[in-house]
């Protein structure tokens, strides 16, 4: 078979028709089929919703038990509670609260993240013990940053250790 001009145009026309059919009909059909499959999966996931609700209720009961174990109470001023805890811990470990700055709040993704920045002065072991107490008390929040600074006091000719702590507390909006 010879490929003359008519046969070449016929093959080119056939390829063009195939491309047009694919772009207008077949590709749309494939997209609709994919969408159909995702909707079916969503419907199947919704049918498991009563099981999920039961699991969430169980989880809530477990969390309530854990929170009651740690004696978490909701108060008016978390900052005052944090300061009271820090004062009690610092007295027992012979530390001094040097600085307690105003909290910094940021709203992101449905939560309000409040950062508390404070500084302590004292021995390294005392600072670590206080940080351990604070970290093991989930009601106070989480420690996000520590900065130990050693300064020389030239009047008394001694070294002083300062630690700057940034704690964060998340709260749902």
N, C-alpha and C. Protein backbone atom coordinates (compact mmCIF):
# COMPACT_ATOMS: atom_id res chain seq x y z
N UNK A 1 0.84 -1.17 0.00
CA UNK A 1 0.00 0.00 0.00
C UNK A 1 0.89 1.23 0.00
N UNK A 2 0.56 2.10 -0.88
CA UNK A 2 1.29 3.32 -1.02
C UNK A 2 0.61 4.44 -0.24
N UNK A 3 1.42 5.27 0.41
CA UNK A 3 0.85 6.41 1.13
C UNK A 3 0.88 7.61 0.20
N UNK A 4 -0.20 7.76 -0.48
CA UNK A 4 -0.29 8.95 -1.33
C UNK A 4 -0.92 10.08 -0.52
N UNK A 5 -1.17 11.14 -1.20
CA UNK A 5 -1.66 12.34 -0.54
C UNK A 5 -3.02 12.13 0.12
N UNK A 6 -3.93 11.40 -0.51
CA UNK A 6 -5.26 11.16 0.04
C UNK A 6 -5.17 10.32 1.32
N UNK A 7 -4.33 9.29 1.30
CA UNK A 7 -4.18 8.43 2.48
C UNK A 7 -3.57 9.20 3.65
N UNK A 8 -2.63 10.06 3.35
CA UNK A 8 -2.01 10.86 4.41
C UNK A 8 -3.03 11.81 5.03
N UNK A 9 -3.83 12.45 4.18
CA UNK A 9 -4.86 13.35 4.70
C UNK A 9 -5.91 12.58 5.50
N UNK A 10 -6.22 11.37 5.04
CA UNK A 10 -7.18 10.53 5.76
C UNK A 10 -6.64 10.16 7.14
N UNK A 11 -5.39 9.77 7.25
CA UNK A 11 -4.79 9.44 8.55
C UNK A 11 -4.72 10.67 9.46
N UNK A 12 -4.35 11.79 8.88
CA UNK A 12 -4.29 13.02 9.65
C UNK A 12 -5.68 13.41 10.15
N UNK A 13 -6.67 13.31 9.31
CA UNK A 13 -8.05 13.62 9.69
C UNK A 13 -8.55 12.68 10.77
N UNK A 14 -8.21 11.39 10.66
CA UNK A 14 -8.61 10.40 11.66
C UNK A 14 -7.97 10.72 13.02
N UNK A 15 -6.69 11.09 13.03
CA UNK A 15 -6.00 11.44 14.26
C UNK A 15 -6.62 12.69 14.88
N UNK A 16 -6.99 13.67 14.02
CA UNK A 16 -7.62 14.88 14.50
C UNK A 16 -8.99 14.59 15.12
N UNK A 17 -9.76 13.72 14.50
CA UNK A 17 -11.07 13.34 15.02
C UNK A 17 -10.91 12.61 16.36
N UNK A 18 -9.91 11.73 16.48
CA UNK A 18 -9.66 11.04 17.75
C UNK A 18 -9.32 12.03 18.85
N UNK A 19 -8.48 13.00 18.55
CA UNK A 19 -8.10 14.00 19.54
C UNK A 19 -9.32 14.82 19.99
N UNK A 20 -10.15 15.24 19.04
CA UNK A 20 -11.35 16.04 19.37
C UNK A 20 -12.30 15.21 20.21
N UNK A 21 -12.49 13.94 19.86
CA UNK A 21 -13.38 13.07 20.64
C UNK A 21 -12.86 12.91 22.07
N UNK A 22 -11.55 12.73 22.19
CA UNK A 22 -10.98 12.56 23.53
C UNK A 22 -11.14 13.83 24.36
N UNK A 23 -10.83 14.98 23.75
CA UNK A 23 -10.86 16.22 24.52
C UNK A 23 -12.27 16.62 24.93
N UNK A 24 -13.28 16.30 24.12
CA UNK A 24 -14.63 16.72 24.46
C UNK A 24 -15.45 15.65 25.17
N UNK A 25 -15.23 14.40 24.90
CA UNK A 25 -16.10 13.37 25.46
C UNK A 25 -15.38 12.46 26.45
N UNK A 26 -14.32 11.87 26.04
CA UNK A 26 -13.69 10.83 26.86
C UNK A 26 -13.07 11.41 28.12
N UNK A 27 -12.37 12.54 28.01
CA UNK A 27 -11.74 13.12 29.19
C UNK A 27 -12.78 13.55 30.22
N UNK A 28 -13.90 14.12 29.77
CA UNK A 28 -14.97 14.50 30.69
C UNK A 28 -15.57 13.27 31.37
N UNK A 29 -15.71 12.20 30.63
CA UNK A 29 -16.25 10.96 31.19
C UNK A 29 -15.32 10.43 32.28
N UNK A 30 -14.03 10.47 32.04
CA UNK A 30 -13.05 10.00 33.02
C UNK A 30 -13.10 10.87 34.28
N UNK A 31 -13.21 12.18 34.09
CA UNK A 31 -13.30 13.09 35.25
C UNK A 31 -14.56 12.84 36.06
N UNK A 32 -15.70 12.64 35.38
CA UNK A 32 -16.95 12.36 36.08
C UNK A 32 -16.88 11.03 36.81
N UNK A 33 -16.20 10.07 36.25
CA UNK A 33 -16.07 8.76 36.90
C UNK A 33 -15.23 8.88 38.17
N UNK A 34 -14.16 9.66 38.12
CA UNK A 34 -13.33 9.87 39.31
C UNK A 34 -14.13 10.58 40.39
N UNK A 35 -14.90 11.58 40.00
CA UNK A 35 -15.74 12.30 40.95
C UNK A 35 -16.78 11.37 41.57
N UNK A 36 -17.35 10.51 40.76
CA UNK A 36 -18.33 9.53 41.23
C UNK A 36 -17.70 8.60 42.28
N UNK A 37 -16.50 8.15 42.03
CA UNK A 37 -15.81 7.25 42.96
C UNK A 37 -15.53 7.96 44.29
N UNK A 38 -15.10 9.22 44.25
CA UNK A 38 -14.82 9.94 45.49
C UNK A 38 -16.10 10.17 46.28
N UNK A 39 -17.20 10.45 45.60
CA UNK A 39 -18.48 10.63 46.30
C UNK A 39 -18.94 9.33 46.94
N UNK A 40 -18.71 8.21 46.26
CA UNK A 40 -19.06 6.91 46.84
C UNK A 40 -18.25 6.64 48.10
N UNK A 41 -16.97 6.99 48.08
CA UNK A 41 -16.13 6.80 49.26
C UNK A 41 -16.59 7.68 50.41
N UNK A 42 -17.01 8.91 50.11
CA UNK A 42 -17.52 9.79 51.15
C UNK A 42 -18.80 9.24 51.76
N UNK A 43 -19.67 8.70 50.93
CA UNK A 43 -20.91 8.11 51.43
C UNK A 43 -20.60 6.90 52.29
N UNK A 44 -19.64 6.08 51.88
CA UNK A 44 -19.24 4.92 52.68
C UNK A 44 -18.65 5.37 54.02
N UNK A 45 -17.90 6.46 54.01
CA UNK A 45 -17.32 6.97 55.25
C UNK A 45 -18.41 7.52 56.17
N UNK A 46 -19.45 8.13 55.59
CA UNK A 46 -20.55 8.65 56.39
C UNK A 46 -21.36 7.54 57.04
N UNK A 47 -21.38 6.37 56.42
CA UNK A 47 -22.13 5.27 57.01
C UNK A 47 -21.45 4.76 58.28
N UNK A 48 -20.14 5.04 58.47
CA UNK A 48 -19.42 4.66 59.67
C UNK A 48 -19.49 5.74 60.75
N UNK A 49 -20.27 6.78 60.51
CA UNK A 49 -20.34 7.91 61.43
C UNK A 49 -20.84 7.53 62.82
N UNK A 50 -21.86 6.68 63.00
CA UNK A 50 -22.28 6.32 64.36
C UNK A 50 -21.15 5.64 65.16
N UNK A 51 -20.36 4.84 64.50
CA UNK A 51 -19.22 4.21 65.18
C UNK A 51 -18.23 5.28 65.64
N UNK A 52 -17.98 6.25 64.77
CA UNK A 52 -17.05 7.33 65.09
C UNK A 52 -17.54 8.15 66.26
N UNK A 53 -18.85 8.42 66.31
CA UNK A 53 -19.43 9.19 67.41
C UNK A 53 -19.23 8.43 68.73
N UNK A 54 -19.45 7.14 68.70
CA UNK A 54 -19.24 6.32 69.90
C UNK A 54 -17.79 6.35 70.36
N UNK A 55 -16.86 6.28 69.40
CA UNK A 55 -15.45 6.33 69.75
C UNK A 55 -15.08 7.68 70.34
N UNK A 56 -15.64 8.77 69.77
CA UNK A 56 -15.35 10.10 70.29
C UNK A 56 -15.89 10.29 71.71
N UNK A 57 -17.04 9.71 72.00
CA UNK A 57 -17.60 9.80 73.35
C UNK A 57 -16.70 9.07 74.34
N UNK A 58 -16.20 7.89 73.93
CA UNK A 58 -15.27 7.13 74.77
C UNK A 58 -14.01 7.94 75.04
N UNK A 59 -13.48 8.55 73.98
CA UNK A 59 -12.26 9.36 74.09
C UNK A 59 -12.48 10.54 75.03
N UNK A 60 -13.65 11.17 74.95
CA UNK A 60 -13.96 12.30 75.82
C UNK A 60 -14.00 11.86 77.28
N UNK A 61 -14.58 10.69 77.55
CA UNK A 61 -14.61 10.18 78.92
C UNK A 61 -13.20 9.92 79.44
N UNK A 62 -12.34 9.35 78.58
CA UNK A 62 -10.96 9.09 78.99
C UNK A 62 -10.23 10.39 79.30
N UNK A 63 -10.41 11.40 78.44
CA UNK A 63 -9.75 12.68 78.65
C UNK A 63 -10.26 13.37 79.92
N UNK A 64 -11.55 13.25 80.19
CA UNK A 64 -12.09 13.83 81.42
C UNK A 64 -11.47 13.19 82.65
N UNK A 65 -11.25 11.86 82.59
CA UNK A 65 -10.61 11.17 83.71
C UNK A 65 -9.18 11.66 83.90
N UNK A 66 -8.44 11.82 82.79
CA UNK A 66 -7.07 12.28 82.89
C UNK A 66 -7.02 13.70 83.44
N UNK A 67 -7.92 14.57 82.97
CA UNK A 67 -7.94 15.95 83.44
C UNK A 67 -8.32 16.03 84.92
N UNK A 68 -9.23 15.18 85.36
CA UNK A 68 -9.58 15.19 86.78
C UNK A 68 -8.42 14.68 87.63
N UNK A 69 -7.62 13.77 87.07
CA UNK A 69 -6.43 13.26 87.78
C UNK A 69 -5.42 14.38 88.02
N UNK A 70 -5.24 15.26 87.04
CA UNK A 70 -4.28 16.35 87.16
C UNK A 70 -4.88 17.59 87.81
N UNK A 71 -6.12 17.51 88.25
CA UNK A 71 -6.79 18.61 88.94
C UNK A 71 -6.75 19.89 88.12
N UNK A 72 -7.25 19.79 86.90
CA UNK A 72 -7.30 20.96 86.02
C UNK A 72 -8.57 21.73 86.34
N UNK A 73 -8.41 22.97 86.70
CA UNK A 73 -9.57 23.81 86.94
C UNK A 73 -9.49 25.02 86.02
N UNK A 74 -10.63 25.41 85.54
CA UNK A 74 -10.69 26.55 84.63
C UNK A 74 -10.92 27.80 85.48
N UNK A 75 -10.00 28.73 85.40
CA UNK A 75 -10.11 29.93 86.21
C UNK A 75 -10.17 31.15 85.31
N UNK A 76 -10.39 32.27 85.96
CA UNK A 76 -10.52 33.52 85.23
C UNK A 76 -9.19 33.95 84.60
N UNK A 77 -8.11 33.83 85.37
CA UNK A 77 -6.84 34.34 84.89
C UNK A 77 -5.79 33.24 84.95
N UNK A 78 -5.49 32.70 83.81
CA UNK A 78 -4.46 31.67 83.73
C UNK A 78 -3.10 32.25 84.10
N UNK A 79 -2.88 33.49 83.76
CA UNK A 79 -1.61 34.14 84.05
C UNK A 79 -1.35 34.18 85.55
N UNK A 80 -2.39 34.48 86.36
CA UNK A 80 -2.23 34.50 87.81
C UNK A 80 -1.93 33.10 88.34
N UNK A 81 -2.62 32.10 87.80
CA UNK A 81 -2.37 30.72 88.23
C UNK A 81 -0.95 30.30 87.90
N UNK A 82 -0.48 30.66 86.71
CA UNK A 82 0.89 30.33 86.32
C UNK A 82 1.90 31.01 87.24
N UNK A 83 1.66 32.25 87.55
CA UNK A 83 2.56 32.99 88.43
C UNK A 83 2.58 32.40 89.84
N UNK A 84 1.41 31.97 90.33
CA UNK A 84 1.36 31.33 91.65
C UNK A 84 2.15 30.03 91.66
N UNK A 85 1.98 29.22 90.60
CA UNK A 85 2.72 27.96 90.51
C UNK A 85 4.22 28.23 90.44
N UNK A 86 4.62 29.18 89.61
CA UNK A 86 6.04 29.50 89.49
C UNK A 86 6.61 30.00 90.80
N UNK A 87 5.86 30.81 91.52
CA UNK A 87 6.33 31.33 92.81
C UNK A 87 6.51 30.18 93.80
N UNK A 88 5.55 29.27 93.84
CA UNK A 88 5.67 28.13 94.76
C UNK A 88 6.88 27.27 94.41
N UNK A 89 7.05 26.98 93.12
CA UNK A 89 8.19 26.16 92.69
C UNK A 89 9.51 26.88 92.93
N UNK A 90 9.55 28.16 92.62
CA UNK A 90 10.82 28.89 92.77
C UNK A 90 11.21 29.04 94.24
N UNK A 91 10.25 29.15 95.14
CA UNK A 91 10.57 29.20 96.57
C UNK A 91 11.18 27.88 97.03
N UNK A 92 10.63 26.78 96.53
CA UNK A 92 11.14 25.48 96.97
C UNK A 92 12.51 25.17 96.39
N UNK A 93 12.87 25.74 95.23
CA UNK A 93 14.17 25.48 94.60
C UNK A 93 15.14 26.65 94.73
N UNK A 94 14.80 27.62 95.57
CA UNK A 94 15.66 28.79 95.82
C UNK A 94 16.01 29.54 94.54
N UNK A 95 14.98 29.83 93.76
CA UNK A 95 15.14 30.60 92.53
C UNK A 95 14.45 31.94 92.70
N UNK A 96 14.77 32.86 91.81
CA UNK A 96 14.16 34.19 91.85
C UNK A 96 13.54 34.47 90.49
N UNK A 97 12.27 34.90 90.48
CA UNK A 97 11.61 35.29 89.24
C UNK A 97 12.05 36.71 88.94
N UNK A 98 12.81 36.86 87.86
CA UNK A 98 13.38 38.16 87.52
C UNK A 98 12.43 38.97 86.66
N UNK A 99 11.77 38.31 85.71
CA UNK A 99 10.95 39.03 84.74
C UNK A 99 9.76 38.17 84.37
N UNK A 100 8.59 38.78 84.29
CA UNK A 100 7.37 38.10 83.83
C UNK A 100 6.66 39.07 82.91
N UNK A 101 6.81 38.85 81.59
CA UNK A 101 6.27 39.80 80.62
C UNK A 101 4.80 39.54 80.34
N UNK A 102 4.19 40.53 79.69
CA UNK A 102 2.79 40.39 79.30
C UNK A 102 2.65 39.25 78.30
N UNK A 103 1.55 38.49 78.36
CA UNK A 103 1.37 37.40 77.40
C UNK A 103 1.15 37.92 75.98
N UNK A 104 1.55 37.10 75.04
CA UNK A 104 1.41 37.43 73.62
C UNK A 104 0.47 36.41 73.01
N UNK A 105 -0.67 36.86 72.44
CA UNK A 105 -1.67 35.96 71.89
C UNK A 105 -1.72 36.05 70.37
N UNK A 106 -1.86 34.88 69.73
CA UNK A 106 -1.97 34.80 68.28
C UNK A 106 -3.10 33.82 67.96
N UNK A 107 -4.02 34.22 67.07
CA UNK A 107 -5.09 33.34 66.64
C UNK A 107 -4.70 32.68 65.33
N UNK A 108 -4.76 31.33 65.30
CA UNK A 108 -4.41 30.62 64.08
C UNK A 108 -5.14 29.28 64.05
N UNK A 109 -5.76 28.98 62.92
CA UNK A 109 -6.41 27.70 62.65
C UNK A 109 -7.44 27.33 63.73
N UNK A 110 -8.23 28.28 64.15
CA UNK A 110 -9.30 28.00 65.10
C UNK A 110 -8.83 27.93 66.55
N UNK A 111 -7.60 28.24 66.83
CA UNK A 111 -7.07 28.21 68.19
C UNK A 111 -6.43 29.55 68.51
N UNK A 112 -6.42 29.87 69.78
CA UNK A 112 -5.68 31.02 70.25
C UNK A 112 -4.46 30.51 71.00
N UNK A 113 -3.29 30.83 70.50
CA UNK A 113 -2.04 30.41 71.13
C UNK A 113 -1.50 31.61 71.91
N UNK A 114 -1.39 31.42 73.23
CA UNK A 114 -0.90 32.49 74.10
C UNK A 114 0.48 32.10 74.61
N UNK A 115 1.44 32.99 74.41
CA UNK A 115 2.82 32.75 74.84
C UNK A 115 3.11 33.59 76.09
N UNK A 116 3.68 32.93 77.10
CA UNK A 116 4.08 33.59 78.34
C UNK A 116 5.60 33.55 78.41
N UNK A 117 6.21 34.70 78.61
CA UNK A 117 7.67 34.81 78.65
C UNK A 117 8.07 35.27 80.05
N UNK A 118 8.94 34.48 80.69
CA UNK A 118 9.43 34.86 82.01
C UNK A 118 10.87 34.42 82.16
N UNK A 119 11.56 35.05 83.13
CA UNK A 119 12.97 34.76 83.37
C UNK A 119 13.17 34.40 84.84
N UNK A 120 14.10 33.48 85.07
CA UNK A 120 14.44 33.03 86.42
C UNK A 120 15.93 33.21 86.65
N UNK A 121 16.30 33.35 87.91
CA UNK A 121 17.71 33.44 88.27
C UNK A 121 17.96 32.45 89.39
N UNK A 122 19.04 31.70 89.27
CA UNK A 122 19.39 30.75 90.32
C UNK A 122 20.34 29.70 89.82
N UNK A 123 20.40 28.58 90.54
CA UNK A 123 21.33 27.52 90.17
C UNK A 123 20.79 26.72 88.98
N UNK A 124 21.71 26.06 88.30
CA UNK A 124 21.34 25.27 87.13
C UNK A 124 20.42 24.12 87.52
N UNK A 125 20.78 23.41 88.59
CA UNK A 125 19.97 22.27 89.04
C UNK A 125 18.59 22.73 89.49
N UNK A 126 18.51 23.85 90.16
CA UNK A 126 17.22 24.38 90.58
C UNK A 126 16.35 24.75 89.39
N UNK A 127 16.97 25.37 88.38
CA UNK A 127 16.22 25.73 87.17
C UNK A 127 15.70 24.50 86.46
N UNK A 128 16.55 23.48 86.36
CA UNK A 128 16.12 22.25 85.69
C UNK A 128 15.00 21.56 86.47
N UNK A 129 15.08 21.57 87.80
CA UNK A 129 14.02 20.96 88.60
C UNK A 129 12.70 21.70 88.41
N UNK A 130 12.76 23.04 88.41
CA UNK A 130 11.54 23.81 88.19
C UNK A 130 10.97 23.55 86.79
N UNK A 131 11.84 23.51 85.79
CA UNK A 131 11.37 23.25 84.42
C UNK A 131 10.75 21.87 84.32
N UNK A 132 11.31 20.90 85.03
CA UNK A 132 10.74 19.55 85.02
C UNK A 132 9.34 19.56 85.64
N UNK A 133 9.17 20.27 86.77
CA UNK A 133 7.86 20.37 87.41
C UNK A 133 6.84 21.01 86.47
N UNK A 134 7.26 22.10 85.83
CA UNK A 134 6.34 22.82 84.93
C UNK A 134 5.99 21.95 83.72
N UNK A 135 6.98 21.27 83.19
CA UNK A 135 6.76 20.45 82.00
C UNK A 135 5.86 19.26 82.29
N UNK A 136 5.94 18.71 83.49
CA UNK A 136 5.13 17.54 83.84
C UNK A 136 3.74 17.91 84.32
N UNK A 137 3.42 19.18 84.38
CA UNK A 137 2.08 19.63 84.73
C UNK A 137 1.39 20.10 83.46
N UNK A 138 0.54 19.25 82.83
CA UNK A 138 -0.05 19.62 81.54
C UNK A 138 -1.04 20.78 81.62
N UNK A 139 -1.50 21.12 82.81
CA UNK A 139 -2.44 22.23 82.94
C UNK A 139 -1.76 23.57 82.69
N UNK A 140 -0.44 23.63 82.84
CA UNK A 140 0.27 24.90 82.67
C UNK A 140 0.60 25.21 81.22
N UNK A 141 0.62 24.23 80.35
CA UNK A 141 0.98 24.47 78.96
C UNK A 141 2.26 23.74 78.61
N UNK A 142 2.85 24.13 77.48
CA UNK A 142 4.07 23.47 77.02
C UNK A 142 5.20 24.49 76.92
N UNK A 143 6.39 24.01 77.24
CA UNK A 143 7.58 24.86 77.12
C UNK A 143 8.05 24.80 75.68
N UNK A 144 8.17 25.95 75.04
CA UNK A 144 8.57 26.01 73.64
C UNK A 144 10.01 26.45 73.45
N UNK A 145 10.56 27.21 74.40
CA UNK A 145 11.92 27.70 74.19
C UNK A 145 12.58 27.97 75.55
N UNK A 146 13.88 27.65 75.63
CA UNK A 146 14.69 27.95 76.81
C UNK A 146 15.94 28.67 76.35
N UNK A 147 16.39 29.63 77.14
CA UNK A 147 17.63 30.33 76.83
C UNK A 147 18.38 30.56 78.13
N UNK A 148 19.45 29.79 78.33
CA UNK A 148 20.29 29.95 79.51
C UNK A 148 21.35 31.00 79.23
N UNK A 149 21.52 31.94 80.17
CA UNK A 149 22.50 33.01 80.04
C UNK A 149 23.32 33.07 81.33
N UNK A 150 24.63 33.03 81.18
CA UNK A 150 25.53 33.14 82.33
C UNK A 150 26.13 34.55 82.31
N UNK A 151 25.91 35.29 83.40
CA UNK A 151 26.42 36.66 83.48
C UNK A 151 27.35 36.78 84.69
N UNK A 152 28.35 37.60 84.55
CA UNK A 152 29.32 37.84 85.60
C UNK A 152 28.93 39.11 86.35
N UNK A 153 28.77 39.00 87.67
CA UNK A 153 28.50 40.16 88.51
C UNK A 153 29.84 40.64 89.05
N UNK A 154 30.31 41.76 88.56
CA UNK A 154 31.64 42.25 88.91
C UNK A 154 31.68 42.87 90.31
N UNK A 155 30.55 43.26 90.85
CA UNK A 155 30.53 43.81 92.21
C UNK A 155 30.82 42.73 93.24
N UNK A 156 30.16 41.58 93.07
CA UNK A 156 30.35 40.49 94.02
C UNK A 156 31.35 39.46 93.51
N UNK A 157 31.80 39.61 92.29
CA UNK A 157 32.77 38.70 91.66
C UNK A 157 32.24 37.26 91.61
N UNK A 158 30.95 37.13 91.24
CA UNK A 158 30.33 35.81 91.11
C UNK A 158 29.64 35.71 89.76
N UNK A 159 29.38 34.47 89.37
CA UNK A 159 28.62 34.22 88.14
C UNK A 159 27.16 33.98 88.50
N UNK A 160 26.28 34.50 87.67
CA UNK A 160 24.84 34.32 87.87
C UNK A 160 24.27 33.64 86.63
N UNK A 161 23.32 32.73 86.85
CA UNK A 161 22.67 32.02 85.75
C UNK A 161 21.24 32.50 85.62
N UNK A 162 20.89 32.94 84.42
CA UNK A 162 19.53 33.36 84.10
C UNK A 162 18.98 32.41 83.05
N UNK A 163 17.70 32.09 83.15
CA UNK A 163 17.06 31.27 82.13
C UNK A 163 15.79 32.00 81.69
N UNK A 164 15.65 32.17 80.38
CA UNK A 164 14.45 32.79 79.81
C UNK A 164 13.60 31.67 79.23
N UNK A 165 12.34 31.62 79.60
CA UNK A 165 11.44 30.53 79.22
C UNK A 165 10.26 31.11 78.46
N UNK A 166 9.90 30.45 77.37
CA UNK A 166 8.69 30.79 76.62
C UNK A 166 7.76 29.59 76.71
N UNK A 167 6.61 29.81 77.32
CA UNK A 167 5.59 28.76 77.45
C UNK A 167 4.40 29.13 76.58
N UNK A 168 3.76 28.09 76.03
CA UNK A 168 2.58 28.35 75.20
C UNK A 168 1.39 27.57 75.74
N UNK A 169 0.26 28.21 75.68
CA UNK A 169 -1.00 27.61 76.09
C UNK A 169 -1.97 27.75 74.93
N UNK A 170 -2.54 26.62 74.48
CA UNK A 170 -3.50 26.64 73.37
C UNK A 170 -4.91 26.66 73.95
N UNK A 171 -5.75 27.43 73.31
CA UNK A 171 -7.14 27.54 73.73
C UNK A 171 -8.02 27.57 72.49
N UNK A 172 -9.04 26.74 72.45
CA UNK A 172 -9.95 26.73 71.31
C UNK A 172 -10.82 27.95 71.28
N UNK A 173 -11.09 28.42 70.07
CA UNK A 173 -11.92 29.63 69.92
C UNK A 173 -13.37 29.25 69.99
